[in-house]
Amino acid sequence: MSTVCACGKRITTKGNSIIRKGLPKKKGGIGLHTTGISRRTFKRNAHTMRVRMPNGRVQRVKVCATCLKAGNYERA
């Protein structure tokens, strides 16, 4: 199943995973060095919940935790 939020239309986003080695200059080192960059995905914290639709039918929808906490899910 997809991880798209039913109310906010939030989807899986892409980004980078950056690996840095070395001691920071602030701590007495010569600085951090980037040794690897690889692609990764940021998945939404989606939960399945039952929602009553305007026509009276109960349907299961995926709602992300942010919308669930704010109460932004579709409810009649």
N, C-alpha and C. Protein backbone atom coordinates (compact mmCIF):
# COMPACT_ATOMS: atom_id res chain seq x y z
N MET A 1 0.83 -1.19 0.00
CA MET A 1 0.00 0.00 0.00
C MET A 1 0.87 1.25 0.00
N SER A 2 0.33 2.32 -0.50
CA SER A 2 1.09 3.55 -0.59
C SER A 2 1.15 4.27 0.76
N THR A 3 2.08 5.18 0.88
CA THR A 3 2.20 5.97 2.10
C THR A 3 1.79 7.41 1.84
N VAL A 4 0.77 7.61 1.00
CA VAL A 4 0.26 8.95 0.71
C VAL A 4 -0.81 9.28 1.74
N CYS A 5 -0.71 10.46 2.36
CA CYS A 5 -1.70 10.89 3.33
C CYS A 5 -3.00 11.26 2.62
N ALA A 6 -4.13 10.81 3.16
CA ALA A 6 -5.42 11.04 2.52
C ALA A 6 -5.86 12.49 2.62
N CYS A 7 -5.44 13.21 3.66
CA CYS A 7 -5.93 14.58 3.83
C CYS A 7 -4.93 15.63 3.35
N GLY A 8 -3.67 15.46 3.67
CA GLY A 8 -2.68 16.48 3.32
C GLY A 8 -1.97 16.21 2.02
N LYS A 9 -2.24 15.05 1.41
CA LYS A 9 -1.60 14.65 0.15
C LYS A 9 -0.08 14.63 0.29
N ARG A 10 0.40 14.26 1.46
CA ARG A 10 1.84 14.17 1.68
C ARG A 10 2.33 12.84 1.15
N ILE A 11 3.44 12.88 0.45
CA ILE A 11 3.95 11.68 -0.20
C ILE A 11 5.38 11.40 0.25
N THR A 12 5.93 10.28 -0.19
CA THR A 12 7.31 9.95 0.09
C THR A 12 8.21 10.91 -0.68
N THR A 13 9.18 11.51 0.02
CA THR A 13 10.09 12.46 -0.62
C THR A 13 11.49 11.86 -0.67
N LYS A 14 12.30 12.42 -1.54
CA LYS A 14 13.66 11.92 -1.73
C LYS A 14 14.67 12.92 -1.20
N GLY A 15 15.82 12.39 -0.79
CA GLY A 15 16.88 13.25 -0.28
C GLY A 15 18.20 12.51 -0.32
N ASN A 16 19.18 13.03 0.38
CA ASN A 16 20.51 12.44 0.41
C ASN A 16 20.88 12.01 1.82
N SER A 17 21.65 10.93 1.90
CA SER A 17 22.26 10.49 3.13
C SER A 17 23.74 10.81 3.01
N ILE A 18 24.22 11.79 3.80
CA ILE A 18 25.59 12.26 3.69
C ILE A 18 26.41 11.69 4.84
N ILE A 19 27.51 11.03 4.52
CA ILE A 19 28.40 10.45 5.52
C ILE A 19 29.60 11.37 5.67
N ARG A 20 29.84 11.82 6.90
CA ARG A 20 30.96 12.72 7.18
C ARG A 20 31.86 12.08 8.22
N LYS A 21 33.17 12.21 8.02
CA LYS A 21 34.14 11.67 8.96
C LYS A 21 35.09 12.77 9.39
N GLY A 22 35.67 12.61 10.55
CA GLY A 22 36.65 13.57 11.06
C GLY A 22 36.13 14.29 12.29
N LEU A 23 37.00 15.00 12.94
CA LEU A 23 36.67 15.76 14.14
C LEU A 23 36.40 17.22 13.74
N PRO A 24 35.30 17.82 14.22
CA PRO A 24 35.01 19.21 13.87
C PRO A 24 36.11 20.17 14.34
N LYS A 25 36.26 21.28 13.64
CA LYS A 25 37.26 22.28 14.00
C LYS A 25 36.99 22.84 15.40
N LYS A 26 35.72 22.93 15.75
CA LYS A 26 35.34 23.46 17.05
C LYS A 26 35.89 22.60 18.19
N LYS A 27 36.06 21.29 17.91
CA LYS A 27 36.56 20.37 18.93
C LYS A 27 38.05 20.09 18.78
N GLY A 28 38.75 20.85 17.94
CA GLY A 28 40.18 20.70 17.82
C GLY A 28 40.66 19.88 16.65
N GLY A 29 39.76 19.48 15.76
CA GLY A 29 40.14 18.69 14.60
C GLY A 29 40.43 19.56 13.39
N ILE A 30 40.57 18.92 12.24
CA ILE A 30 40.84 19.68 11.02
C ILE A 30 39.59 19.87 10.18
N GLY A 31 38.46 19.44 10.69
CA GLY A 31 37.19 19.65 10.00
C GLY A 31 36.59 18.35 9.52
N LEU A 32 35.29 18.39 9.23
CA LEU A 32 34.58 17.21 8.74
C LEU A 32 34.78 17.06 7.25
N HIS A 33 34.94 15.82 6.80
CA HIS A 33 35.12 15.53 5.38
C HIS A 33 33.98 14.65 4.90
N THR A 34 33.36 15.00 3.78
CA THR A 34 32.31 14.20 3.20
C THR A 34 32.94 13.02 2.47
N THR A 35 32.55 11.81 2.89
CA THR A 35 33.14 10.61 2.29
C THR A 35 32.15 9.84 1.43
N GLY A 36 30.87 10.16 1.52
CA GLY A 36 29.91 9.45 0.69
C GLY A 36 28.56 10.12 0.70
N ILE A 37 27.91 10.15 -0.45
CA ILE A 37 26.55 10.69 -0.58
C ILE A 37 25.74 9.65 -1.33
N SER A 38 24.64 9.20 -0.72
CA SER A 38 23.77 8.23 -1.39
C SER A 38 22.33 8.69 -1.27
N ARG A 39 21.52 8.30 -2.24
CA ARG A 39 20.11 8.69 -2.26
C ARG A 39 19.32 7.88 -1.24
N ARG A 40 18.31 8.50 -0.65
CA ARG A 40 17.44 7.81 0.29
C ARG A 40 16.04 8.38 0.18
N THR A 41 15.07 7.74 0.82
CA THR A 41 13.69 8.21 0.81
C THR A 41 13.24 8.53 2.22
N PHE A 42 12.45 9.59 2.35
CA PHE A 42 11.83 9.96 3.61
C PHE A 42 10.37 9.55 3.53
N LYS A 43 9.99 8.52 4.27
CA LYS A 43 8.62 8.01 4.21
C LYS A 43 7.76 8.67 5.28
N ARG A 44 6.49 8.88 4.95
CA ARG A 44 5.54 9.48 5.88
C ARG A 44 5.16 8.48 6.95
N ASN A 45 4.90 9.00 8.15
CA ASN A 45 4.46 8.16 9.26
C ASN A 45 2.94 8.00 9.13
N ALA A 46 2.52 7.13 8.20
CA ALA A 46 1.11 6.99 7.87
C ALA A 46 0.47 5.88 8.69
N HIS A 47 -0.72 6.15 9.22
CA HIS A 47 -1.50 5.19 10.00
C HIS A 47 -2.82 4.96 9.30
N THR A 48 -3.32 3.74 9.36
CA THR A 48 -4.63 3.42 8.79
C THR A 48 -5.68 3.67 9.86
N MET A 49 -6.68 4.46 9.52
CA MET A 49 -7.77 4.70 10.46
C MET A 49 -9.11 4.68 9.73
N ARG A 50 -10.16 4.39 10.48
CA ARG A 50 -11.49 4.35 9.90
C ARG A 50 -12.14 5.72 10.02
N VAL A 51 -12.70 6.19 8.91
CA VAL A 51 -13.31 7.52 8.85
C VAL A 51 -14.71 7.38 8.28
N ARG A 52 -15.67 8.09 8.88
CA ARG A 52 -17.04 8.08 8.37
C ARG A 52 -17.14 9.13 7.26
N MET A 53 -17.53 8.69 6.10
CA MET A 53 -17.65 9.56 4.93
C MET A 53 -18.98 10.33 4.98
N PRO A 54 -19.11 11.40 4.17
CA PRO A 54 -20.35 12.20 4.17
C PRO A 54 -21.60 11.39 3.82
N ASN A 55 -21.44 10.32 3.04
CA ASN A 55 -22.62 9.52 2.68
C ASN A 55 -22.96 8.49 3.75
N GLY A 56 -22.26 8.49 4.89
CA GLY A 56 -22.57 7.60 5.99
C GLY A 56 -21.77 6.30 5.99
N ARG A 57 -21.00 6.07 4.97
CA ARG A 57 -20.21 4.85 4.87
C ARG A 57 -18.89 5.00 5.64
N VAL A 58 -18.44 3.92 6.25
CA VAL A 58 -17.16 3.94 6.95
C VAL A 58 -16.10 3.39 6.02
N GLN A 59 -15.00 4.11 5.89
CA GLN A 59 -13.94 3.70 4.98
C GLN A 59 -12.59 3.84 5.68
N ARG A 60 -11.66 2.94 5.35
CA ARG A 60 -10.31 3.02 5.91
C ARG A 60 -9.45 3.89 5.02
N VAL A 61 -8.76 4.85 5.63
CA VAL A 61 -7.88 5.75 4.89
C VAL A 61 -6.54 5.84 5.62
N LYS A 62 -5.49 6.19 4.88
CA LYS A 62 -4.17 6.40 5.47
C LYS A 62 -4.04 7.87 5.84
N VAL A 63 -3.67 8.13 7.08
CA VAL A 63 -3.50 9.49 7.57
C VAL A 63 -2.13 9.59 8.22
N CYS A 64 -1.35 10.63 7.86
CA CYS A 64 -0.04 10.80 8.47
C CYS A 64 -0.20 11.29 9.90
N ALA A 65 0.82 11.07 10.71
CA ALA A 65 0.77 11.41 12.13
C ALA A 65 0.57 12.90 12.36
N THR A 66 1.12 13.74 11.48
CA THR A 66 0.97 15.19 11.62
C THR A 66 -0.49 15.61 11.49
N CYS A 67 -1.19 15.07 10.48
CA CYS A 67 -2.60 15.40 10.27
C CYS A 67 -3.47 14.79 11.37
N LEU A 68 -3.09 13.61 11.83
CA LEU A 68 -3.82 12.94 12.90
C LEU A 68 -3.75 13.75 14.19
N LYS A 69 -2.58 14.29 14.49
CA LYS A 69 -2.37 15.09 15.69
C LYS A 69 -3.13 16.40 15.61
N ALA A 70 -3.18 17.00 14.42
CA ALA A 70 -3.86 18.28 14.24
C ALA A 70 -5.37 18.12 14.05
N GLY A 71 -5.83 16.90 13.79
CA GLY A 71 -7.25 16.66 13.57
C GLY A 71 -7.71 17.06 12.18
N ASN A 72 -6.81 16.99 11.19
CA ASN A 72 -7.13 17.41 9.84
C ASN A 72 -7.64 16.29 8.94
N TYR A 73 -8.00 15.17 9.49
CA TYR A 73 -8.48 14.07 8.65
C TYR A 73 -9.94 14.30 8.28
N GLU A 74 -10.36 13.72 7.17
CA GLU A 74 -11.71 13.95 6.65
C GLU A 74 -12.74 13.25 7.53
N ARG A 75 -13.66 14.01 8.01
CA ARG A 75 -14.74 13.45 8.84
C ARG A 75 -16.01 14.25 8.60
N ALA A 76 -17.11 13.56 8.50
CA ALA A 76 -18.39 14.24 8.25
C ALA A 76 -19.01 14.74 9.51
